[in-house]
C-alpha atoms as a PDB file:
ATOM      1  CA  MET A   1       7.093 -16.751   6.981  1.00  0.00           C
ATOM      2  CA  ILE A   2       5.279 -14.727   9.423  1.00  0.00           C
ATOM      3  CA  ASP A   3       4.517 -16.825  12.558  1.00  0.00           C
ATOM      4  CA  GLU A   4       0.623 -17.014  13.045  1.00  0.00           C
ATOM      5  CA  GLN A   5       0.514 -16.734  16.467  1.00  0.00           C
ATOM      6  CA  GLN A   6       2.838 -13.594  16.436  1.00  0.00           C
ATOM      7  CA  PHE A   7       0.832 -12.114  13.758  1.00  0.00           C
ATOM      8  CA  ALA A   8      -2.649 -12.414  15.256  1.00  0.00           C
ATOM      9  CA  ALA A   9      -1.258 -10.810  18.405  1.00  0.00           C
ATOM     10  CA  SER A  10       0.476  -7.888  16.832  1.00  0.00           C
ATOM     11  CA  VAL A  11      -2.849  -7.043  14.934  1.00  0.00           C
ATOM     12  CA  GLU A  12      -5.023  -7.273  18.298  1.00  0.00           C
ATOM     13  CA  ARG A  13      -2.296  -5.239  19.944  1.00  0.00           C
ATOM     14  CA  GLU A  14      -2.777  -2.375  17.364  1.00  0.00           C
ATOM     15  CA  ARG A  15      -6.454  -2.770  17.366  1.00  0.00           C
ATOM     16  CA  ARG A  16      -6.407  -2.300  21.094  1.00  0.00           C
ATOM     17  CA  ALA A  17      -4.288   0.821  20.696  1.00  0.00           C
ATOM     18  CA  GLN A  18      -6.327   2.455  17.962  1.00  0.00           C
ATOM     19  CA  ARG A  19      -9.480   2.018  20.087  1.00  0.00           C
ATOM     20  CA  ARG A  20      -7.731   3.420  22.995  1.00  0.00           C
ATOM     21  CA  ASP A  21      -6.358   6.430  21.618  1.00  0.00           C
ATOM     22  CA  ALA A  22      -9.752   7.154  19.774  1.00  0.00           C
ATOM     23  CA  LEU A  23     -11.790   6.839  23.070  1.00  0.00           C
ATOM     24  CA  LEU A  24      -8.834   9.302  24.678  1.00  0.00           C
ATOM     25  CA  LEU A  25      -9.528  12.007  21.930  1.00  0.00           C
ATOM     26  CA  TRP A  26     -13.070  11.777  21.738  1.00  0.00           C
ATOM     27  CA  ALA A  27     -13.277  12.446  25.692  1.00  0.00           C
ATOM     28  CA  LEU A  28     -10.816  15.251  25.621  1.00  0.00           C
ATOM     29  CA  ALA A  29     -12.510  16.820  22.455  1.00  0.00           C
ATOM     30  CA  SER A  30     -15.837  16.533  24.385  1.00  0.00           C
ATOM     31  CA  LEU A  31     -14.320  18.211  27.193  1.00  0.00           C
ATOM     32  CA  LEU A  32     -13.360  21.130  24.816  1.00  0.00           C
ATOM     33  CA  PHE A  33     -16.778  21.311  23.405  1.00  0.00           C
ATOM     34  CA  VAL A  34     -18.730  21.458  26.711  1.00  0.00           C
ATOM     35  CA  LYS A  35     -17.895  25.104  27.187  1.00  0.00           C
ATOM     36  CA  PRO A  36     -18.889  26.231  23.567  1.00  0.00           C
ATOM     37  CA  ALA A  37     -22.019  24.133  23.579  1.00  0.00           C
ATOM     38  CA  HIS A  38     -23.191  26.032  26.704  1.00  0.00           C
ATOM     39  CA  ALA A  39     -22.588  29.443  25.271  1.00  0.00           C
ATOM     40  CA  LEU A  40     -24.401  28.290  22.111  1.00  0.00           C
ATOM     41  CA  LEU A  41     -27.485  27.382  24.074  1.00  0.00           C
ATOM     42  CA  GLY A  42     -27.495  30.644  26.084  1.00  0.00           C
ATOM     43  CA  LEU A  43     -27.325  32.345  22.899  1.00  0.00           C
ATOM     44  CA  ILE A  44     -30.473  30.615  21.615  1.00  0.00           C
ATOM     45  CA  GLY A  45     -32.312  31.580  25.065  1.00  0.00           C
ATOM     46  CA  LEU A  46     -32.122  28.605  27.077  1.00  0.00           C
ATOM     47  CA  PRO A  47     -32.556  28.879  30.656  1.00  0.00           C
ATOM     48  CA  VAL A  48     -29.447  28.661  32.707  1.00  0.00           C
ATOM     49  CA  ASP A  49     -30.437  25.713  34.816  1.00  0.00           C
ATOM     50  CA  VAL A  50     -30.634  23.485  31.601  1.00  0.00           C
ATOM     51  CA  ARG A  51     -27.930  24.863  29.789  1.00  0.00           C
ATOM     52  CA  TRP A  52     -24.929  22.875  31.446  1.00  0.00           C
ATOM     53  CA  PRO A  53     -26.833  19.532  31.563  1.00  0.00           C
ATOM     54  CA  LEU A  54     -27.524  19.669  27.611  1.00  0.00           C
ATOM     55  CA  ALA A  55     -23.935  21.083  27.210  1.00  0.00           C
ATOM     56  CA  TRP A  56     -22.652  18.079  28.434  1.00  0.00           C
ATOM     57  CA  VAL A  57     -24.982  15.789  26.186  1.00  0.00           C
ATOM     58  CA  ALA A  58     -24.283  17.926  23.212  1.00  0.00           C
ATOM     59  CA  ALA A  59     -20.414  18.028  23.338  1.00  0.00           C
ATOM     60  CA  PRO A  60     -19.904  14.365  22.794  1.00  0.00           C
ATOM     61  CA  LEU A  61     -22.625  14.332  19.989  1.00  0.00           C
ATOM     62  CA  ALA A  62     -20.796  17.453  18.303  1.00  0.00           C
ATOM     63  CA  THR A  63     -17.499  15.933  18.763  1.00  0.00           C
ATOM     64  CA  ALA A  64     -18.775  12.831  16.669  1.00  0.00           C
ATOM     65  CA  LEU A  65     -20.296  14.885  14.039  1.00  0.00           C
ATOM     66  CA  VAL A  66     -16.962  17.026  13.524  1.00  0.00           C
ATOM     67  CA  TYR A  67     -14.928  13.546  13.523  1.00  0.00           C
ATOM     68  CA  ALA A  68     -17.175  12.134  10.872  1.00  0.00           C
ATOM     69  CA  ALA A  69     -16.718  15.424   8.941  1.00  0.00           C
ATOM     70  CA  VAL A  70     -13.204  15.705   9.342  1.00  0.00           C
ATOM     71  CA  VAL A  71     -12.718  11.716   8.259  1.00  0.00           C
ATOM     72  CA  GLY A  72     -14.958  12.367   5.456  1.00  0.00           C
ATOM     73  CA  VAL A  73     -13.084  15.487   4.039  1.00  0.00           C
ATOM     74  CA  SER A  74      -9.642  13.762   4.693  1.00  0.00           C
ATOM     75  CA  GLY A  75     -10.323  10.598   2.860  1.00  0.00           C
ATOM     76  CA  MET A  76     -11.618  12.621  -0.059  1.00  0.00           C
ATOM     77  CA  ALA A  77      -8.588  14.808  -0.097  1.00  0.00           C
ATOM     78  CA  SER A  78      -6.165  12.093   0.208  1.00  0.00           C
ATOM     79  CA  GLY A  79      -7.958  10.366  -2.545  1.00  0.00           C
ATOM     80  CA  LEU A  80      -7.523  13.464  -4.761  1.00  0.00           C
ATOM     81  CA  VAL A  81      -4.010  13.852  -4.125  1.00  0.00           C
ATOM     82  CA  LEU A  82      -3.130  10.299  -4.267  1.00  0.00           C
ATOM     83  CA  ASN A  83      -4.757   9.928  -7.710  1.00  0.00           C
ATOM     84  CA  ILE A  84      -3.162  13.083  -9.140  1.00  0.00           C
ATOM     85  CA  LEU A  85       0.271  11.794  -7.904  1.00  0.00           C
ATOM     86  CA  HIS A  86       0.004   8.307  -8.404  1.00  0.00           C
ATOM     87  CA  PRO A  87      -2.819   7.752 -10.731  1.00  0.00           C
ATOM     88  CA  GLY A  88      -1.841   3.852 -10.913  1.00  0.00           C
ATOM     89  CA  ARG A  89      -3.239   3.608  -7.361  1.00  0.00           C
ATOM     90  CA  GLY A  90      -6.595   3.854  -7.814  1.00  0.00           C
ATOM     91  CA  GLY A  91      -7.044   7.062  -5.896  1.00  0.00           C
ATOM     92  CA  LYS A  92      -8.070   5.439  -2.477  1.00  0.00           C
ATOM     93  CA  ALA A  93      -7.442   6.977   0.800  1.00  0.00           C
ATOM     94  CA  ALA A  94      -5.177   4.588   3.087  1.00  0.00           C
ATOM     95  CA  PRO A  95      -6.750   2.542   5.524  1.00  0.00           C
ATOM     96  CA  PRO A  96      -6.576   2.532   9.443  1.00  0.00           C
ATOM     97  CA  GLY A  97      -3.397   1.403  10.505  1.00  0.00           C
ATOM     98  CA  TYR A  98      -1.586   2.368   7.336  1.00  0.00           C
ATOM     99  CA  SER A  99       0.254   5.600   9.018  1.00  0.00           C
ATOM    100  CA  HIS A 100       1.216   3.081  11.742  1.00  0.00           C
ATOM    101  CA  ALA A 101       3.038   0.852   9.454  1.00  0.00           C
ATOM    102  CA  GLU A 102       4.656   3.149   7.806  1.00  0.00           C
ATOM    103  CA  ALA A 103       6.033   5.121  11.294  1.00  0.00           C
ATOM    104  CA  LEU A 104       7.374   1.380  12.109  1.00  0.00           C
ATOM    105  CA  ALA A 105       9.276   1.485   8.952  1.00  0.00           C
ATOM    106  CA  ALA A 106      10.724   4.949   9.446  1.00  0.00           C
ATOM    107  CA  ALA A 107      11.797   4.118  12.965  1.00  0.00           C
ATOM    108  CA  GLY A 108      13.740   0.916  11.458  1.00  0.00           C
ATOM    109  CA  ARG A 109      11.348  -1.468  13.368  1.00  0.00           C
ATOM    110  CA  MET A 110      11.166  -3.367   9.906  1.00  0.00           C
ATOM    111  CA  ARG A 111       9.994  -6.902  11.285  1.00  0.00           C
ATOM    112  CA  GLU A 112       7.051  -4.906  13.070  1.00  0.00           C
ATOM    113  CA  ALA A 113       6.065  -2.919  10.003  1.00  0.00           C
ATOM    114  CA  GLU A 114       6.171  -6.208   7.881  1.00  0.00           C
ATOM    115  CA  ILE A 115       3.548  -7.534  10.011  1.00  0.00           C
ATOM    116  CA  ALA A 116       1.903  -4.351  10.801  1.00  0.00           C
ATOM    117  CA  PHE A 117       1.207  -3.923   6.720  1.00  0.00           C
ATOM    118  CA  GLU A 118       0.550  -7.889   6.194  1.00  0.00           C
ATOM    119  CA  ALA A 119      -2.337  -7.211   8.891  1.00  0.00           C
ATOM    120  CA  LEU A 120      -3.566  -4.689   6.606  1.00  0.00           C
ATOM    121  CA  HIS A 121      -3.433  -6.922   3.468  1.00  0.00           C
ATOM    122  CA  ALA A 122      -5.157  -9.553   5.105  1.00  0.00           C
ATOM    123  CA  GLU A 123      -8.056  -7.104   6.184  1.00  0.00           C
ATOM    124  CA  ARG A 124      -8.855  -5.788   2.937  1.00  0.00           C
ATOM    125  CA  GLY A 125      -7.007  -7.558   0.327  1.00  0.00           C
ATOM    126  CA  ASP A 126      -3.648  -6.696  -1.551  1.00  0.00           C
ATOM    127  CA  ARG A 127      -4.386  -2.712  -2.020  1.00  0.00           C
ATOM    128  CA  VAL A 128      -2.208  -1.620  -4.579  1.00  0.00           C
ATOM    129  CA  ASP A 129      -1.661   1.854  -2.633  1.00  0.00           C
ATOM    130  CA  VAL A 130      -0.615  -0.194   0.438  1.00  0.00           C
ATOM    131  CA  LEU A 131       1.706  -2.552  -1.459  1.00  0.00           C
ATOM    132  CA  HIS A 132       3.481   0.537  -2.999  1.00  0.00           C
ATOM    133  CA  ALA A 133       3.879   2.277   0.475  1.00  0.00           C
ATOM    134  CA  GLU A 134       5.718  -1.160   1.703  1.00  0.00           C
ATOM    135  CA  ILE A 135       7.781  -1.888  -1.471  1.00  0.00           C
ATOM    136  CA  ALA A 136       9.330   1.692  -1.166  1.00  0.00           C
ATOM    137  CA  TRP A 137      10.253   0.722   2.388  1.00  0.00           C
ATOM    138  CA  GLN A 138      11.585  -2.689   1.789  1.00  0.00           C
ATOM    139  CA  LEU A 139      13.722  -1.391  -1.264  1.00  0.00           C
ATOM    140  CA  LYS A 140      15.551   1.161   0.945  1.00  0.00           C
ATOM    141  CA  PRO A 141      18.532  -0.019   3.126  1.00  0.00           C
ATOM    142  CA  GLY A 142      17.488  -2.149   6.009  1.00  0.00           C
ATOM    143  CA  GLY A 143      14.769  -3.577   3.807  1.00  0.00           C
ATOM    144  CA  SER A 144      14.143  -7.195   2.828  1.00  0.00           C
ATOM    145  CA  VAL A 145      15.080  -7.949  -0.922  1.00  0.00           C
ATOM    146  CA  GLU A 146      13.049 -11.037  -0.804  1.00  0.00           C
ATOM    147  CA  ARG A 147      10.317  -9.772   0.614  1.00  0.00           C
ATOM    148  CA  ALA A 148      10.322  -6.657  -1.810  1.00  0.00           C
ATOM    149  CA  LYS A 149      10.234  -9.450  -4.436  1.00  0.00           C
ATOM    150  CA  THR A 150       7.307 -10.994  -3.220  1.00  0.00           C
ATOM    151  CA  LEU A 151       5.611  -7.777  -2.983  1.00  0.00           C
ATOM    152  CA  LEU A 152       6.313  -6.783  -6.600  1.00  0.00           C
ATOM    153  CA  GLN A 153       4.685 -10.191  -7.605  1.00  0.00           C
ATOM    154  CA  ARG A 154       1.872  -9.285  -5.542  1.00  0.00           C
ATOM    155  CA  LEU A 155       1.591  -6.024  -6.882  1.00  0.00           C
ATOM    156  CA  ARG A 156       1.293  -7.180 -10.445  1.00  0.00           C
ATOM    157  CA  LYS A 157      -1.526  -9.807  -9.427  1.00  0.00           C
ATOM    158  CA  ALA A 158      -3.584  -6.948  -7.391  1.00  0.00           C
ATOM    159  CA  ALA A 159      -7.132  -6.366  -8.404  1.00  0.00           C
ATOM    160  CA  GLY A 160      -6.830  -2.716  -8.545  1.00  0.00           C
ATOM    161  CA  ALA A 161      -3.099  -2.814 -10.447  1.00  0.00           C
ATOM    162  CA  THR A 162      -2.813  -0.735 -13.861  1.00  0.00           C
ATOM    163  CA  ARG A 163      -0.497  -1.657 -16.557  1.00  0.00           C
ATOM    164  CA  ALA A 164       1.704   1.078 -15.301  1.00  0.00           C
ATOM    165  CA  ASP A 165       1.967  -0.687 -11.688  1.00  0.00           C
ATOM    166  CA  GLU A 166       2.779  -4.031 -13.940  1.00  0.00           C
ATOM    167  CA  LEU A 167       5.551  -2.065 -15.461  1.00  0.00           C
ATOM    168  CA  TYR A 168       7.034  -0.744 -12.058  1.00  0.00           C
ATOM    169  CA  ALA A 169       6.780  -4.068 -10.562  1.00  0.00           C
ATOM    170  CA  THR A 170       8.652  -5.911 -13.553  1.00  0.00           C
ATOM    171  CA  GLN A 171      11.192  -3.208 -13.817  1.00  0.00           C
ATOM    172  CA  ARG A 172      12.014  -3.035 -10.146  1.00  0.00           C
ATOM    173  CA  LEU A 173      12.415  -7.228 -10.306  1.00  0.00           C
ATOM    174  CA  ILE A 174      14.625  -7.088 -13.074  1.00  0.00           C
ATOM    175  CA  ASP A 175      16.678  -4.450 -10.814  1.00  0.00           C
ATOM    176  CA  LEU A 176      16.537  -7.006  -7.815  1.00  0.00           C
ATOM    177  CA  TYR A 177      17.566  -9.877 -10.058  1.00  0.00           C
ATOM    178  CA  LEU A 178      20.544  -8.440 -11.544  1.00  0.00           C
ATOM    179  CA  GLY A 179      21.517  -6.843  -8.431  1.00  0.00           C
ATOM    180  CA  PRO A 180      21.581  -8.402  -4.957  1.00  0.00           C
ATOM    181  CA  LEU A 181      19.561 -11.468  -5.805  1.00  0.00           C
ATOM    182  CA  ARG A 182      22.309 -12.363  -8.685  1.00  0.00           C
ATOM    183  CA  ASP A 183      19.782 -14.074 -10.880  1.00  0.00           C
ATOM    184  CA  PRO A 184      20.449 -13.054 -14.468  1.00  0.00           C
ATOM    185  CA  ASP A 185      18.286 -15.750 -15.882  1.00  0.00           C
ATOM    186  CA  ARG A 186      15.245 -14.471 -13.899  1.00  0.00           C
ATOM    187  CA  ALA A 187      16.297 -11.039 -14.962  1.00  0.00           C
ATOM    188  CA  MET A 188      16.103 -11.896 -18.716  1.00  0.00           C
ATOM    189  CA  SER A 189      12.396 -13.773 -18.157  1.00  0.00           C
ATOM    190  CA  GLU A 190      11.407 -10.405 -16.520  1.00  0.00           C
ATOM    191  CA  LEU A 191      12.845  -8.588 -19.911  1.00  0.00           C
ATOM    192  CA  ARG A 192      11.090 -10.889 -22.239  1.00  0.00           C
ATOM    193  CA  ARG A 193       7.917 -10.027 -20.067  1.00  0.00           C
ATOM    194  CA  ILE A 194       8.171  -6.531 -20.983  1.00  0.00           C
ATOM    195  CA  ILE A 195       8.971  -7.134 -24.582  1.00  0.00           C
ATOM    196  CA  GLN A 196       5.755  -8.863 -24.826  1.00  0.00           C
ATOM    197  CA  GLN A 197       3.420  -7.089 -22.518  1.00  0.00           C
ATOM    198  CA  PHE A 198       4.520  -3.891 -23.813  1.00  0.00           C
ATOM    199  CA  PRO A 199       5.406  -4.108 -27.725  1.00  0.00           C
ATOM    200  CA  GLY A 200       6.551  -1.013 -29.382  1.00  0.00           C
ATOM    201  CA  THR A 201       7.230   1.167 -26.337  1.00  0.00           C
ATOM    202  CA  ARG A 202      10.286   2.829 -25.504  1.00  0.00           C
ATOM    203  CA  ASP A 203      10.592   0.309 -22.485  1.00  0.00           C
ATOM    204  CA  ALA A 204      10.372  -2.596 -24.981  1.00  0.00           C
ATOM    205  CA  GLU A 205      13.093  -1.361 -26.864  1.00  0.00           C
ATOM    206  CA  GLY A 206      15.089  -0.815 -23.351  1.00  0.00           C
ATOM    207  CA  ALA A 207      14.271  -4.143 -22.376  1.00  0.00           C
ATOM    208  CA  GLN A 208      15.320  -5.489 -25.927  1.00  0.00           C
ATOM    209  CA  THR A 209      18.773  -4.027 -25.710  1.00  0.00           C
ATOM    210  CA  ALA A 210      19.457  -5.280 -22.267  1.00  0.00           C
ATOM    211  CA  LEU A 211      18.561  -8.604 -22.975  1.00  0.00           C
ATOM    212  CA  ALA A 212      20.953  -8.952 -25.934  1.00  0.00           C
ATOM    213  CA  THR A 213      23.386  -7.258 -23.533  1.00  0.00           C
ATOM    214  CA  LEU A 214      22.760 -10.069 -21.032  1.00  0.00           C
ATOM    215  CA  ARG A 215      22.407 -12.813 -23.670  1.00  0.00           C
ATOM    216  CA  GLU A 216      26.023 -11.694 -24.841  1.00  0.00           C
ATOM    217  CA  GLN A 217      27.720 -11.703 -21.376  1.00  0.00           C
ATOM    218  CA  ALA A 218      26.038 -15.302 -20.687  1.00  0.00           C
ATOM    219  CA  GLY A 219      27.528 -16.370 -24.182  1.00  0.00           C
ATOM    220  CA  ARG A 220      24.277 -18.323 -24.888  1.00  0.00           C
ATOM    221  CA  GLU A 221      20.965 -17.896 -26.957  1.00  0.00           C
ATOM    222  CA  VAL A 222      17.940 -16.452 -24.976  1.00  0.00           C
ATOM    223  CA  PRO A 223      14.785 -17.003 -27.179  1.00  0.00           C
ATOM    224  CA  VAL A 224      12.403 -13.610 -26.655  1.00  0.00           C
ATOM    225  CA  ALA A 225       9.241 -15.649 -27.818  1.00  0.00           C
ATOM    226  CA  PRO A 226       7.955 -18.541 -26.079  1.00  0.00           C
ATOM    227  CA  ASP A 227       9.768 -21.800 -26.629  1.00  0.00           C
ATOM    228  CA  VAL A 228       7.254 -24.026 -28.565  1.00  0.00           C
ATOM    229  CA  SER A 229      10.314 -26.422 -29.803  1.00  0.00           C
ATOM    230  CA  ARG A 230       8.833 -29.307 -27.487  1.00  0.00           C
ATOM    231  CA  GLY A 231       5.457 -29.509 -29.391  1.00  0.00           C
ATOM    232  CA  THR A 232       3.582 -27.685 -26.928  1.00  0.00           C
ATOM    233  CA  ASP A 233       1.231 -24.703 -27.867  1.00  0.00           C
ATOM    234  CA  PRO A 234       2.468 -21.337 -26.909  1.00  0.00           C
ATOM    235  CA  THR A 235       0.536 -19.778 -24.040  1.00  0.00           C
ATOM    236  CA  PRO A 236      -0.683 -16.169 -24.415  1.00  0.00           C
ATOM    237  CA  PRO A 237       1.736 -13.969 -21.843  1.00  0.00           C
ATOM    238  CA  SER A 238      -1.622 -12.475 -20.214  1.00  0.00           C
ATOM    239  CA  SER A 239      -2.691 -15.853 -18.902  1.00  0.00           C
ATOM    240  CA  SER A 240       0.555 -17.632 -18.786  1.00  0.00           C
ATOM    241  CA  GLN A 241       2.540 -14.988 -16.403  1.00  0.00           C
ATOM    242  CA  SER A 242       1.222 -13.536 -13.341  1.00  0.00           C
END
């Protein structure tokens, strides 16, 4: 569990750092724009005595306009590339703080990265692209298997999740249950989910084969269909499973 006070303090520190960095970059860029603004004002024939005051006013405005244009173009380009490479992630640009969270993970500071990622989820909900990013880090050496499991379960429930995302999450959960989590019963449950949710596909056929192998290893029969032997009505997979 994440300590709420530590979580809130970390989020606030990140926001302050982002505001400070943005202000410093804006001030530096404004200084760089002063001389070009002065030259441009000279080209349009303004008197020398008013060029510098106007240049100092125009430079910050020009910096803000350039920044807005860069952010807009970058967002559209990121969305286009993301949509091409990962059609299941909704084609949305990464939210502010996303790169910082990934940088923490890349540096091996997984606890801080987890808090930074969770801050993004808290602010904007469980975005599919952010979930995919953190899952990838948590599945690497040094990551948390339990955290990865939780994120994969959340990915299946995310508002923008597609069937491809559901299949990916379920397959990774099976890997975890058969691997480090050592829970073959849950692995078989996830295999049944694939069979039920993706009938007639190669994934379902592979799940059927894997399920048969696990049943043989366990030495017991595990039904593929929901168990209705107790007289209860079977619930459709789409509403009974998350």
